[in-house]
Protein backbone atom coordinates (compact mmCIF):
# COMPACT_ATOMS: atom_id res chain seq x y z
CA MET A 1 -0.04 -0.06 0.09
CA SER A 2 1.41 3.21 -0.93
CA GLU A 3 1.96 5.85 1.69
CA GLU A 4 -0.74 8.23 0.04
CA ARG A 5 -3.27 5.38 0.33
CA ARG A 6 -2.35 4.51 3.70
CA LYS A 7 -3.05 8.05 5.07
CA ILE A 8 -6.31 7.97 3.36
CA LEU A 9 -7.24 4.71 5.19
CA TYR A 10 -6.33 6.11 8.57
CA ALA A 11 -8.05 9.26 7.82
CA VAL A 12 -11.15 7.32 7.41
CA LEU A 13 -10.75 5.42 10.62
CA GLU A 14 -10.06 8.34 12.58
CA GLU A 15 -12.87 10.49 11.33
CA ALA A 16 -15.01 7.36 11.66
CA ALA A 17 -14.44 7.42 15.53
CA ALA A 18 -15.88 10.94 15.32
CA GLN A 19 -18.97 9.68 13.63
CA LYS A 20 -18.43 11.63 10.11
CA VAL A 21 -16.13 11.07 7.39
CA HIS A 22 -15.33 13.97 5.04
CA VAL A 23 -14.80 13.31 1.26
CA GLU A 24 -14.32 16.58 -0.38
CA ASP A 25 -17.54 18.66 0.49
CA TRP A 26 -19.46 15.58 1.51
CA ALA A 27 -19.91 14.09 4.94
CA PHE A 28 -20.88 10.54 5.57
CA VAL A 29 -22.41 9.34 8.72
CA GLU A 30 -20.07 6.30 9.17
CA ALA A 31 -19.37 5.68 13.16
CA MET A 32 -17.06 3.35 14.70
CA ASN A 33 -14.20 2.87 16.83
CA THR A 34 -10.91 1.01 15.78
CA ASN A 35 -8.54 -1.11 17.64
CA PHE A 36 -5.15 -2.32 16.23
CA TYR A 37 -3.61 -5.34 18.07
CA GLY A 38 0.08 -6.22 18.08
CA HIS A 39 1.61 -9.59 18.24
CA GLN A 40 0.89 -10.01 21.85
CA GLY A 41 -2.83 -9.59 21.59
CA LYS A 42 -2.81 -6.18 23.03
CA ILE A 43 -4.17 -2.99 21.52
CA GLN A 44 -1.35 -0.88 20.14
CA LYS A 45 -3.19 1.91 18.84
CA GLN A 46 -6.86 2.94 18.52
CA PHE A 47 -9.21 5.68 17.39
CA LYS A 48 -12.06 5.78 20.22
CA GLY A 49 -15.09 7.73 20.04
CA ASN A 50 -18.66 7.38 21.62
CA ASN A 51 -19.63 4.52 19.21
CA ASP A 52 -21.33 1.13 19.84
CA ILE A 53 -19.44 -0.60 16.82
CA THR A 54 -15.68 -1.37 17.01
CA LEU A 55 -13.41 -2.61 14.25
CA ASN A 56 -10.89 -5.02 15.52
CA VAL A 57 -7.57 -5.31 13.41
CA ARG A 58 -5.48 -8.06 14.65
CA ASN A 59 -3.15 -8.11 11.65
CA VAL A 60 -2.38 -4.65 10.68
CA GLU A 61 0.01 -5.49 7.69
CA LEU A 62 -2.48 -7.90 6.31
CA PHE A 63 -5.39 -5.64 6.92
CA GLU A 64 -3.41 -2.81 4.72
CA GLU A 65 -2.81 -5.31 2.09
CA LYS A 66 -6.18 -6.66 1.59
CA MET A 67 -7.81 -2.94 1.69
CA ASN A 68 -5.23 -2.12 -1.01
CA ALA A 69 -6.16 -5.08 -3.03
CA TYR A 70 -9.94 -3.98 -2.51
CA VAL A 71 -9.47 -0.50 -3.51
CA ASP A 72 -7.76 -1.68 -6.86
CA SER A 73 -10.52 -4.16 -7.68
CA MET A 74 -13.27 -1.62 -7.03
CA LEU A 75 -11.61 1.13 -9.29
CA GLN A 76 -11.23 -1.64 -12.02
CA PHE A 77 -14.79 -2.24 -11.28
CA LEU A 78 -15.53 1.56 -11.65
CA HIS A 79 -13.54 1.61 -15.01
CA GLU A 80 -15.31 -1.23 -16.35
CA HIS A 81 -18.85 0.45 -15.82
CA PRO A 82 -18.63 4.02 -17.39
CA LEU A 83 -21.75 5.37 -15.83
CA PHE A 84 -20.68 4.70 -12.16
CA TYR A 85 -17.08 5.97 -13.01
CA ALA A 86 -18.59 9.08 -14.60
CA TYR A 87 -20.87 9.64 -11.70
CA ASP A 88 -17.86 9.64 -9.24
CA ASN A 89 -15.80 11.74 -11.38
CA VAL A 90 -18.29 14.62 -11.37
CA TYR A 91 -19.12 13.97 -7.69
CA TYR A 92 -15.34 14.24 -6.66
CA ASP A 93 -14.20 16.45 -9.45
CA GLY A 94 -12.13 13.76 -10.83
CA HIS A 95 -9.92 13.50 -7.74
CA GLN A 96 -8.87 9.85 -7.44
CA GLU A 97 -7.84 10.47 -3.59
CA ALA A 98 -11.45 11.46 -2.83
CA GLN A 99 -12.84 8.43 -4.84
CA GLU A 100 -10.47 5.95 -2.88
CA LYS A 101 -11.62 7.53 0.19
CA TYR A 102 -15.13 7.17 -0.47
CA LEU A 103 -14.75 3.58 -1.48
CA MET A 104 -12.90 2.88 1.90
CA THR A 105 -15.79 4.65 3.76
CA VAL A 106 -18.95 3.13 2.31
CA LEU A 107 -17.54 -0.35 2.58
CA TRP A 108 -18.35 -0.54 6.34
CA SER A 109 -21.94 -0.06 5.64
CA ASN A 110 -21.87 -3.79 4.07
CA ALA A 111 -20.21 -5.23 7.15
CA THR A 112 -21.73 -7.76 9.50
CA PRO A 113 -21.05 -8.00 13.23
CA GLU A 114 -18.58 -10.61 12.47
CA ASP A 115 -17.08 -8.82 9.68
CA PHE A 116 -16.09 -6.25 12.14
CA GLU A 117 -14.38 -8.68 14.23
CA ASN A 118 -12.42 -10.23 11.23
CA PRO A 119 -12.05 -7.34 8.74
CA VAL A 120 -9.42 -9.34 6.76
CA SER A 121 -11.94 -12.03 5.81
CA PHE A 122 -14.27 -9.50 5.05
CA LEU A 123 -11.93 -7.65 2.65
CA GLU A 124 -11.29 -10.89 0.97
CA ARG A 125 -14.76 -11.76 0.39
CA ARG A 126 -15.65 -8.48 -0.99
CA ILE A 127 -12.69 -8.76 -3.53
CA GLN A 128 -14.11 -12.27 -4.47
CA PHE A 129 -17.56 -10.78 -5.03
CA LEU A 130 -15.92 -8.38 -7.77
CA LYS A 131 -13.68 -11.45 -9.32
CA ASP A 132 -16.21 -14.27 -9.16
CA SER A 133 -17.06 -15.39 -12.68
CA THR A 134 -20.04 -17.76 -11.72
CA VAL A 135 -22.70 -15.19 -13.12
CA GLN A 136 -22.18 -12.48 -15.53
CA GLU A 137 -24.21 -9.39 -16.57
CA GLU A 138 -27.12 -10.59 -18.86
CA LYS A 139 -30.96 -10.26 -19.60
CA ILE A 140 -32.86 -13.43 -20.40
CA LYS A 141 -36.57 -13.59 -21.50
CA VAL A 142 -39.12 -16.26 -20.91
CA ASP A 143 -42.61 -16.69 -21.86
CA SER A 144 -44.74 -16.27 -18.61
CA HIS A 145 -48.55 -16.35 -19.80
CA ASP A 146 -49.00 -19.35 -17.84
CA CYS A 147 -47.68 -17.69 -14.57
CA PHE A 148 -49.65 -14.66 -14.89
CA MET A 149 -52.68 -15.62 -16.92
CA MET A 150 -52.33 -13.06 -19.46
CA ASP A 151 -51.44 -13.80 -23.12
CA LYS A 152 -48.20 -12.58 -24.47
CA THR A 153 -46.40 -11.53 -21.44
CA GLN A 154 -42.76 -12.25 -20.62
CA ILE A 155 -40.37 -12.55 -17.50
CA ILE A 156 -37.32 -10.62 -18.21
CA TYR A 157 -34.63 -11.45 -15.38
CA GLY A 158 -30.82 -11.22 -15.12
CA VAL A 159 -27.95 -9.61 -13.38
CA GLU A 160 -26.86 -5.93 -13.38
CA ALA A 161 -23.98 -4.16 -11.85
CA GLN A 162 -24.65 -1.41 -9.23
CA HIS A 163 -22.85 1.43 -7.57
CA PRO A 164 -20.41 0.73 -4.76
CA ASN A 165 -22.85 2.71 -2.26
CA MET A 166 -25.25 -0.37 -2.68
CA GLU A 167 -24.65 -3.51 -0.45
CA THR A 168 -23.01 -5.51 -3.35
CA PRO A 169 -21.62 -4.94 -6.66
CA TYR A 170 -24.25 -7.11 -8.39
CA THR A 171 -28.01 -7.42 -8.37
CA PHE A 172 -30.53 -9.86 -9.67
CA VAL A 173 -33.17 -7.99 -11.37
CA SER A 174 -36.50 -9.27 -12.85
CA CYS A 175 -39.77 -7.86 -14.16
CA VAL A 176 -43.16 -8.91 -16.07
CA GLU A 177 -43.47 -7.32 -19.38
CA ASN A 178 -46.26 -7.44 -21.87
CA GLU A 179 -46.39 -6.87 -25.76
CA ASP A 180 -46.88 -3.21 -25.31
CA GLY A 181 -43.79 -2.63 -23.28
CA GLU A 182 -45.80 -2.23 -20.22
CA SER A 183 -43.78 -3.73 -17.13
CA TYR A 184 -43.94 -4.61 -13.59
CA GLN A 185 -40.53 -4.55 -11.54
CA LEU A 186 -40.27 -7.21 -9.14
CA PRO A 187 -37.82 -6.68 -6.13
CA LYS A 188 -34.18 -6.57 -6.72
CA ILE A 189 -31.81 -8.96 -4.95
CA SER A 190 -28.46 -7.61 -3.88
CA PHE A 191 -25.97 -10.55 -3.82
CA GLY A 192 -22.41 -11.63 -4.01
CA ILE A 193 -20.64 -15.06 -4.55
CA CYS A 194 -17.51 -16.02 -2.92
CA GLU A 195 -16.15 -19.61 -2.85
CA LYS A 196 -19.37 -21.18 -4.46
CA THR A 197 -21.40 -19.45 -1.59
CA CYS A 198 -24.20 -16.87 -2.49
CA PHE A 199 -24.32 -14.06 0.02
CA ILE A 200 -27.73 -12.27 -0.04
CA TYR A 201 -27.76 -8.81 1.53
CA ALA A 202 -31.11 -7.00 0.43
CA ILE A 203 -34.39 -7.73 -1.12
CA GLN A 204 -35.64 -4.34 -2.35
CA ASP A 205 -38.99 -3.28 -3.92
CA GLY A 206 -38.47 -1.12 -7.15
CA GLU A 207 -41.77 -0.77 -8.14
CA ASN A 208 -44.00 2.53 -8.08
CA HIS A 209 -46.87 1.53 -6.00
CA GLN A 210 -48.84 4.69 -6.82
CA ARG A 211 -49.70 3.24 -10.37
CA GLN A 212 -53.19 2.66 -11.27
CA ASP A 213 -52.89 1.23 -14.72
CA SER A 214 -54.65 -2.08 -15.56
CA PHE A 215 -51.44 -3.96 -16.34
CA TYR A 216 -49.96 -3.05 -12.82
CA LYS A 217 -53.34 -4.09 -11.31
CA LYS A 218 -53.34 -7.57 -13.03
CA VAL A 219 -49.83 -8.44 -12.08
CA LYS A 220 -50.23 -7.47 -8.56
CA ARG A 221 -53.41 -9.70 -8.36
CA ALA A 222 -51.57 -12.57 -9.88
CA LEU A 223 -48.72 -12.43 -7.60
CA TYR A 224 -51.21 -13.08 -4.49
CA ARG A 225 -51.57 -16.48 -6.02
CA ALA A 226 -48.25 -17.10 -4.28
CA ASN A 227 -50.09 -17.23 -0.97
CA LYS A 228 -52.79 -19.68 -2.24
CA GLU A 229 -53.41 -22.49 0.39
CA VAL A 230 -50.27 -21.49 2.09
CA GLU A 231 -50.64 -22.11 5.84
CA ASP A 232 -48.47 -21.06 8.88
CA ASP A 233 -46.97 -23.93 10.57
CA TYR A 234 -44.10 -21.77 12.33
CA PHE A 235 -44.75 -21.08 15.93
CA ASP A 236 -42.87 -17.64 15.95
CA GLU A 237 -42.72 -16.39 12.58
CA LYS A 238 -45.80 -16.03 10.16
CA ILE A 239 -44.62 -17.09 6.57
CA THR A 240 -47.72 -15.57 5.13
CA ASP A 241 -46.77 -12.19 6.52
CA VAL A 242 -44.28 -11.59 3.49
CA SER A 243 -44.59 -9.51 0.39
CA PRO A 244 -45.75 -12.03 -2.42
CA ALA A 245 -43.36 -9.79 -4.67
CA GLN A 246 -40.24 -10.63 -2.77
CA VAL A 247 -40.91 -14.13 -2.31
CA CYS A 248 -41.68 -14.54 -6.23
CA SER A 249 -38.46 -12.77 -6.79
CA LEU A 250 -36.55 -14.97 -4.66
CA ALA A 251 -37.88 -18.05 -6.48
CA LEU A 252 -36.69 -16.78 -9.64
CA PHE A 253 -33.23 -16.00 -8.16
CA LEU A 254 -33.32 -19.48 -6.56
CA GLY A 255 -33.88 -21.12 -9.90
CA TYR A 256 -31.28 -19.05 -11.68
CA MET A 257 -28.54 -19.85 -8.89
CA ASN A 258 -29.58 -23.34 -9.25
CA ARG A 259 -28.92 -23.41 -12.84
CA LYS A 260 -25.44 -21.80 -12.03
CA GLY A 261 -24.54 -24.68 -9.64
CA ILE A 262 -24.95 -22.69 -6.22
CA GLN A 263 -26.33 -24.59 -3.56
CA GLN A 264 -24.87 -22.89 -0.53
CA PHE A 265 -26.57 -19.47 0.61
CA GLU A 266 -26.15 -17.02 3.45
CA ALA A 267 -28.76 -14.31 3.90
CA CYS A 268 -27.09 -11.54 5.95
CA SER A 269 -29.82 -10.06 8.01
CA TYR A 270 -28.02 -7.57 9.98
CA LEU A 271 -25.65 -4.81 8.68
CA PRO A 272 -25.20 -2.56 11.78
CA MET A 273 -23.51 0.56 10.28
CA ARG A 274 -26.73 0.93 8.15
CA TYR A 275 -28.79 0.32 11.14
CA GLN A 276 -26.89 2.70 13.24
CA ALA A 277 -26.87 5.52 10.64
CA LYS A 278 -30.44 6.06 10.91
CA ASP A 279 -30.04 6.35 14.84
CA LEU A 280 -27.33 8.83 14.62
CA ILE A 281 -29.42 11.14 12.11
CA LEU A 282 -32.32 11.14 14.83
CA LEU A 283 -29.74 11.83 17.53
CA GLY A 284 -28.73 14.80 15.54
CA LYS A 285 -32.10 16.20 15.06
CA GLN A 286 -32.67 15.55 18.93
CA LYS A 287 -29.77 17.66 19.84
CA LYS A 288 -31.00 20.63 17.46
CA MET A 289 -34.37 20.44 18.84
CA GLU A 290 -33.09 20.47 22.65
CA ALA A 291 -31.14 23.54 21.79
CA LEU A 292 -34.27 25.24 20.31
CA LEU A 293 -36.61 24.04 23.21
CA MET A 294 -34.16 25.70 26.00
CA ASN A 295 -36.32 28.60 26.46
CA LEU A 296 -39.70 26.91 26.02
CA GLU A 297 -41.87 26.26 29.02
CA GLU A 298 -41.27 22.76 30.52
CA PRO A 299 -44.46 21.09 29.83
CA ILE A 300 -44.23 22.10 25.91
CA LYS A 301 -40.34 20.76 26.10
CA VAL A 302 -41.16 17.62 27.81
CA LYS A 303 -43.91 16.95 25.29
CA MET A 304 -41.58 17.58 22.25
CA LEU A 305 -38.62 15.43 23.70
CA ASP A 306 -41.11 12.43 24.36
CA GLU A 307 -42.42 12.54 20.83
CA MET A 308 -38.74 12.38 19.69
CA GLU A 309 -38.07 9.52 22.13
CA GLU A 310 -41.18 7.77 20.54
CA ALA A 311 -39.45 8.33 16.99
CA PHE A 312 -36.37 6.47 18.22
CA SER A 313 -38.58 3.47 19.41
CA TYR A 314 -40.46 3.42 16.31
CA ALA A 315 -37.40 3.41 14.22
CA ASP A 316 -35.95 0.35 16.12
CA HIS A 317 -39.21 -1.43 15.75
CA LEU A 318 -39.33 -0.76 12.12
CA GLN A 319 -35.69 -1.98 11.62
CA GLU A 320 -36.61 -5.11 13.55
CA ASN A 321 -39.72 -5.77 11.56
CA ILE A 322 -37.61 -5.36 8.35
CA THR A 323 -35.12 -7.73 9.40
CA ASN A 324 -37.94 -10.21 10.63
CA LYS A 325 -39.53 -10.06 7.30
CA PHE A 326 -36.11 -10.60 5.33
CA ILE A 327 -35.65 -13.74 7.13
CA ARG A 328 -39.33 -14.93 6.79
CA ASN A 329 -38.82 -14.69 2.97
CA PHE A 330 -36.43 -17.85 3.34
CA LEU A 331 -38.66 -19.75 5.72
CA ARG A 332 -41.58 -19.10 2.97
CA LEU A 333 -39.06 -20.70 0.32
CA GLN A 334 -38.64 -23.79 2.54
CA TYR A 335 -42.34 -24.25 2.63
CA HIS A 336 -42.55 -24.76 -0.98
CA PHE A 337 -39.32 -26.66 -1.44
CA LYS A 338 -39.04 -29.11 1.62
CA GLU A 339 -35.51 -30.09 0.65
CA ILE A 340 -33.98 -26.62 1.40
CA GLU A 341 -32.18 -27.31 4.66
CA ILE A 342 -31.58 -24.30 6.97
CA THR A 343 -28.31 -25.27 8.58
CA SER A 344 -28.17 -22.25 11.09
CA TYR A 345 -30.43 -19.33 11.95
CA PRO A 346 -29.46 -15.84 12.93
CA GLY A 347 -27.96 -15.81 16.28
CA GLU A 348 -26.72 -19.61 16.35
CA SER A 349 -23.46 -19.40 14.66
CA ASP A 350 -23.31 -15.72 13.53
CA SER A 351 -25.95 -13.24 12.68
CA ALA A 352 -26.67 -14.73 9.29
CA LEU A 353 -29.38 -17.44 8.00
CA HIS A 354 -27.50 -20.23 6.46
CA TYR A 355 -29.23 -22.67 3.93
CA GLN A 356 -28.36 -25.22 1.34
CA THR A 357 -30.29 -26.68 -1.59
CA PRO A 358 -29.91 -29.91 -3.50
CA GLN A 359 -29.06 -30.00 -7.16
CA THR A 360 -32.64 -30.78 -7.94
CA LEU A 361 -35.38 -29.57 -5.86
CA MET A 362 -38.75 -31.49 -5.66
CA GLU A 363 -41.82 -29.52 -5.99
CA TYR A 364 -44.54 -30.28 -3.55
CA ASP A 365 -47.14 -27.86 -4.74
CA ASP A 366 -48.40 -26.19 -8.01
CA SER A 367 -48.05 -22.62 -6.56
CA LEU A 368 -46.91 -19.61 -8.39
CA ILE A 369 -43.46 -19.84 -6.47
CA THR A 370 -42.42 -23.33 -8.16
CA GLU A 371 -43.78 -22.07 -11.45
CA LEU A 372 -41.39 -19.35 -11.30
CA TYR A 373 -38.61 -21.27 -10.03
CA GLN A 374 -38.77 -23.65 -13.09
CA LYS A 375 -38.71 -20.55 -15.39
CA THR A 376 -35.18 -19.54 -14.36
CA ASN A 377 -34.02 -22.96 -13.75
CA THR A 378 -34.50 -23.67 -17.38
CA PRO A 379 -31.19 -24.60 -19.38
CA PRO A 380 -29.81 -21.80 -21.06
CA HIS A 381 -30.61 -23.11 -24.62
CA GLN A 382 -34.05 -23.00 -23.86
CA ALA A 383 -34.20 -19.32 -22.70
CA LYS A 384 -33.78 -16.42 -25.02
CA SER A 385 -30.94 -13.98 -24.05
CA ILE A 386 -31.46 -10.10 -25.03
């Protein structure tokens, strides 16, 4: 690692301890302490602030080496995707030092609790996400009139690259489209592949649900076929309390991954830096409010602060609900495909849900979920690339 890049790295870590990393004129809410350990297992150096998250670096030389390799790999990725590169060039006035600082900053938003304990493995995995050749950027069309009960509709699915500020460099995309070019976007799935294991980080809805056109309504109704005759048999988790669109998107993704020979999965349910950022924003608003309320009467001040406390509680509840629903999607898949084996639940071995699938999944029902799985599990020569 060059001395210039090393300075950038340590500037990121030092500023993160103070809860804001400055890149040119922009400030990013990234808050963590950093401990650097020596050969005897004692802390030799640290950047410490009032933060709940701590990055533990136990091999400084290897950490710097892997960070250097990660930045090189991500810069190459940006150059291979001109739109992303142009965006960052404009954002940082073409200053590569600023681009590198940005890449080293937003990286930690995609780390799990275990990654903060073993950052070298984390960096190795992120590099592999960029280098793995199991999947490629592509779009494929398959007929879908039998799934959605509409003539002349197709499912378009495949892989797209996404900007470094997202959870992963690639996302699985899918949509339903008719002959008039009208489309319904299914949720995107952010994923990365490392050593034949697929890591799923997010299932994000991209559809505009303010739409009122007839095609949107027809697809929306058809998606609810996914819940037909589904009964909850989980005591704690309600597998019907999921988004039909998200489960359908996952079914397409599962078929696509199976066709690519991927049978090991990890669903990364908790990224503490992203979760914490919302709390820090609320905390900043609370401090501003306290300053404004200083000269107000006590009853009004108490009422306003109580409302802010309720906002914190609501944010925590909302995040917990989002996390639980994310995990329920995979329990729901297991309902339709009994041979999916969940090998570890969040909190058992780590914060992720681990599951594996056999080479051939048996179908136990005729639901929309299994129909969609078969669409993307179709051998490539039977599908149409676009």
